[in-house]
Amino acid sequence: MALKFLNKKIFFVLGFIVLAILLVGGFFLWKELNFRPESVYTIFFDKEYANVKDFKIEDTDKGKILKDEDSGFSLKIPKEWFVKEYPDEISILSPEAELEADGSFNIDSFKSKGACGFSVQIIKTKKVSPDFLTDDEFLKKEISDLKNGKSESDKDNLKQEIISV
């Protein structure tokens, strides 16, 4: 009889310990997932990519101009550079850049021949919640923080700089 009582007591104590561990662990997991200090920018929004087919390249007396009328975006393409169209972006590449048969960049041409390039992607965003930042809000905040020496990225020893084109 004492043995049965002792087994029930051990079972109850072990069950209580397991339950306590699960509750405490669950609390810390919940806290970690829901804790968002001001220095961490969470990006959350509905986004829609501009249709690359809407981009137009115009030959002007100033050179080639890449335009997206819907967004009002325009960009002068450097002389002798070429344009490569992808499903959701356009890449503008220097003459030294080489492409693989599948259209991807040949990285060796960038390393060995000094090729360079950049991509243009227009994303329309719709804010879902005031608690989250859209891409443009995030970038404006990051640029402001960089200018003021408060960027969280700098703390991770990442090299960043602001350039104007």
Protein backbone atom coordinates (compact mmCIF):
# COMPACT_ATOMS: atom_id res chain seq x y z
CA MET A 1 0.00 0.00 0.00
CA ALA A 2 2.79 2.40 0.88
CA LEU A 3 4.49 1.51 -2.40
CA LYS A 4 1.40 2.45 -4.45
CA PHE A 5 1.12 5.76 -2.61
CA LEU A 6 4.85 6.40 -3.18
CA ASN A 7 4.49 5.62 -6.95
CA LYS A 8 1.54 8.04 -7.24
CA LYS A 9 3.49 10.69 -5.38
CA ILE A 10 6.55 10.26 -7.64
CA PHE A 11 4.34 10.32 -10.75
CA PHE A 12 2.61 13.50 -9.53
CA VAL A 13 5.93 15.23 -8.68
CA LEU A 14 7.52 14.26 -12.03
CA GLY A 15 4.41 15.42 -13.90
CA PHE A 16 4.47 18.71 -12.03
CA ILE A 17 8.18 19.21 -12.85
CA VAL A 18 7.63 18.49 -16.56
CA LEU A 19 4.65 20.87 -16.64
CA ALA A 20 6.67 23.59 -14.88
CA ILE A 21 9.54 23.19 -17.36
CA LEU A 22 7.15 23.43 -20.32
CA LEU A 23 5.43 26.51 -18.90
CA VAL A 24 8.69 28.32 -18.09
CA GLY A 25 10.24 27.38 -21.45
CA GLY A 26 7.08 28.40 -23.29
CA PHE A 27 7.04 31.74 -21.50
CA PHE A 28 10.65 32.51 -22.49
CA LEU A 29 10.00 31.41 -26.08
CA TRP A 30 6.88 33.60 -26.25
CA LYS A 31 8.82 36.53 -24.75
CA GLU A 32 11.66 36.09 -27.29
CA LEU A 33 9.28 35.94 -30.24
CA ASN A 34 7.24 38.95 -29.13
CA PHE A 35 10.03 41.20 -27.86
CA ARG A 36 10.85 43.91 -30.37
CA PRO A 37 13.21 46.56 -29.06
CA GLU A 38 13.10 49.94 -30.82
CA SER A 39 16.47 49.26 -32.43
CA VAL A 40 15.15 46.26 -34.37
CA TYR A 41 13.21 47.12 -37.52
CA THR A 42 10.64 44.57 -38.58
CA ILE A 43 9.45 44.83 -42.13
CA PHE A 44 5.90 43.61 -42.70
CA PHE A 45 3.70 44.65 -45.61
CA ASP A 46 1.87 43.54 -48.71
CA LYS A 47 4.07 44.08 -51.72
CA GLU A 48 3.63 44.07 -55.45
CA TYR A 49 6.48 44.21 -57.95
CA ALA A 50 6.21 46.61 -60.87
CA ASN A 51 5.91 44.74 -64.13
CA VAL A 52 9.29 44.77 -65.86
CA LYS A 53 7.44 44.89 -69.19
CA ASP A 54 6.28 48.42 -68.23
CA PHE A 55 9.88 49.66 -68.13
CA LYS A 56 10.90 51.47 -71.29
CA ILE A 57 14.34 52.31 -72.62
CA GLU A 58 14.40 55.55 -74.57
CA ASP A 59 17.25 56.77 -76.76
CA THR A 60 17.71 60.49 -76.16
CA ASP A 61 20.38 63.05 -77.03
CA LYS A 62 21.67 62.53 -73.46
CA GLY A 63 21.95 58.74 -73.93
CA LYS A 64 19.72 55.82 -73.02
CA ILE A 65 17.14 56.42 -70.29
CA LEU A 66 15.35 53.66 -68.37
CA LYS A 67 11.83 54.77 -67.40
CA ASP A 68 8.84 53.47 -65.52
CA GLU A 69 6.01 55.92 -66.18
CA ASP A 70 3.70 54.46 -63.52
CA SER A 71 6.12 55.14 -60.65
CA GLY A 72 7.80 58.20 -62.20
CA PHE A 73 11.20 56.50 -61.97
CA SER A 74 13.88 57.26 -64.55
CA LEU A 75 17.59 56.49 -64.75
CA LYS A 76 20.30 57.30 -67.26
CA ILE A 77 22.10 54.17 -68.41
CA PRO A 78 25.87 54.66 -68.61
CA LYS A 79 27.24 54.74 -72.15
CA GLU A 80 28.07 51.28 -73.58
CA TRP A 81 26.43 49.47 -70.67
CA PHE A 82 23.74 46.91 -71.46
CA VAL A 83 20.40 45.99 -69.93
CA LYS A 84 19.33 42.47 -68.93
CA GLU A 85 15.68 41.90 -68.12
CA TYR A 86 14.65 39.41 -65.40
CA PRO A 87 11.14 38.50 -64.18
CA ASP A 88 10.98 41.12 -61.40
CA GLU A 89 13.98 43.39 -62.01
CA ILE A 90 16.21 44.91 -64.65
CA SER A 91 19.98 44.69 -64.37
CA ILE A 92 22.27 47.29 -65.90
CA LEU A 93 25.74 45.91 -66.55
CA SER A 94 29.10 47.24 -67.69
CA PRO A 95 30.51 46.02 -71.05
CA GLU A 96 32.94 43.72 -69.20
CA ALA A 97 30.10 41.76 -67.58
CA GLU A 98 29.43 38.31 -68.98
CA LEU A 99 26.30 36.22 -68.61
CA GLU A 100 25.98 32.46 -68.36
CA ALA A 101 23.81 30.54 -70.87
CA ASP A 102 20.90 30.65 -68.38
CA GLY A 103 21.15 34.46 -68.08
CA SER A 104 22.77 34.52 -64.65
CA PHE A 105 25.84 36.61 -63.94
CA ASN A 106 29.25 35.13 -64.65
CA ILE A 107 30.88 36.02 -61.33
CA ASP A 108 34.39 35.47 -62.72
CA SER A 109 33.87 38.35 -65.18
CA PHE A 110 33.16 40.63 -62.22
CA LYS A 111 36.26 39.44 -60.37
CA SER A 112 38.77 39.14 -63.19
CA LYS A 113 37.61 41.77 -65.69
CA GLY A 114 36.39 44.43 -63.28
CA ALA A 115 32.80 44.19 -64.47
CA CYS A 116 30.11 45.87 -62.45
CA GLY A 117 26.40 46.36 -62.50
CA PHE A 118 23.27 47.08 -60.51
CA SER A 119 19.65 46.08 -60.53
CA VAL A 120 16.49 48.13 -60.56
CA GLN A 121 13.40 46.75 -58.90
CA ILE A 122 10.30 48.79 -58.12
CA ILE A 123 8.17 47.46 -55.30
CA LYS A 124 4.81 48.97 -54.42
CA THR A 125 4.02 48.44 -50.77
CA LYS A 126 0.84 48.61 -48.78
CA LYS A 127 1.21 49.07 -45.04
CA VAL A 128 -0.54 46.29 -43.13
CA SER A 129 0.04 47.48 -39.58
CA PRO A 130 1.34 50.68 -37.99
CA ASP A 131 3.60 48.48 -35.84
CA PHE A 132 5.74 47.42 -38.81
CA LEU A 133 7.90 49.33 -41.28
CA THR A 134 7.65 49.17 -45.05
CA ASP A 135 10.86 48.97 -47.12
CA ASP A 136 11.00 52.71 -47.75
CA GLU A 137 10.37 53.52 -44.07
CA PHE A 138 13.06 51.03 -43.07
CA LEU A 139 15.57 52.53 -45.53
CA LYS A 140 14.80 56.10 -44.46
CA LYS A 141 15.28 55.10 -40.80
CA GLU A 142 18.51 53.23 -41.56
CA ILE A 143 19.91 56.17 -43.58
CA SER A 144 18.96 58.59 -40.81
CA ASP A 145 20.58 56.33 -38.20
CA LEU A 146 23.73 56.00 -40.34
CA LYS A 147 23.97 59.78 -40.71
CA ASN A 148 23.55 60.18 -36.94
CA GLY A 149 25.93 57.34 -36.05
CA LYS A 150 23.18 55.27 -34.45
CA SER A 151 22.88 52.38 -36.90
CA GLU A 152 22.48 48.95 -35.37
CA SER A 153 24.27 47.53 -38.43
CA ASP A 154 27.47 49.34 -37.43
CA LYS A 155 27.46 47.41 -34.16
CA ASP A 156 27.79 44.18 -36.15
CA ASN A 157 30.94 45.51 -37.85
CA LEU A 158 29.18 45.86 -41.20
CA LYS A 159 30.59 48.48 -43.53
CA GLN A 160 27.96 50.83 -44.89
CA GLU A 161 27.98 54.18 -46.54
CA ILE A 162 25.47 56.46 -48.14
CA ILE A 163 26.05 57.31 -51.79
CA SER A 164 24.32 59.80 -54.01
CA VAL A 165 23.91 59.25 -57.71
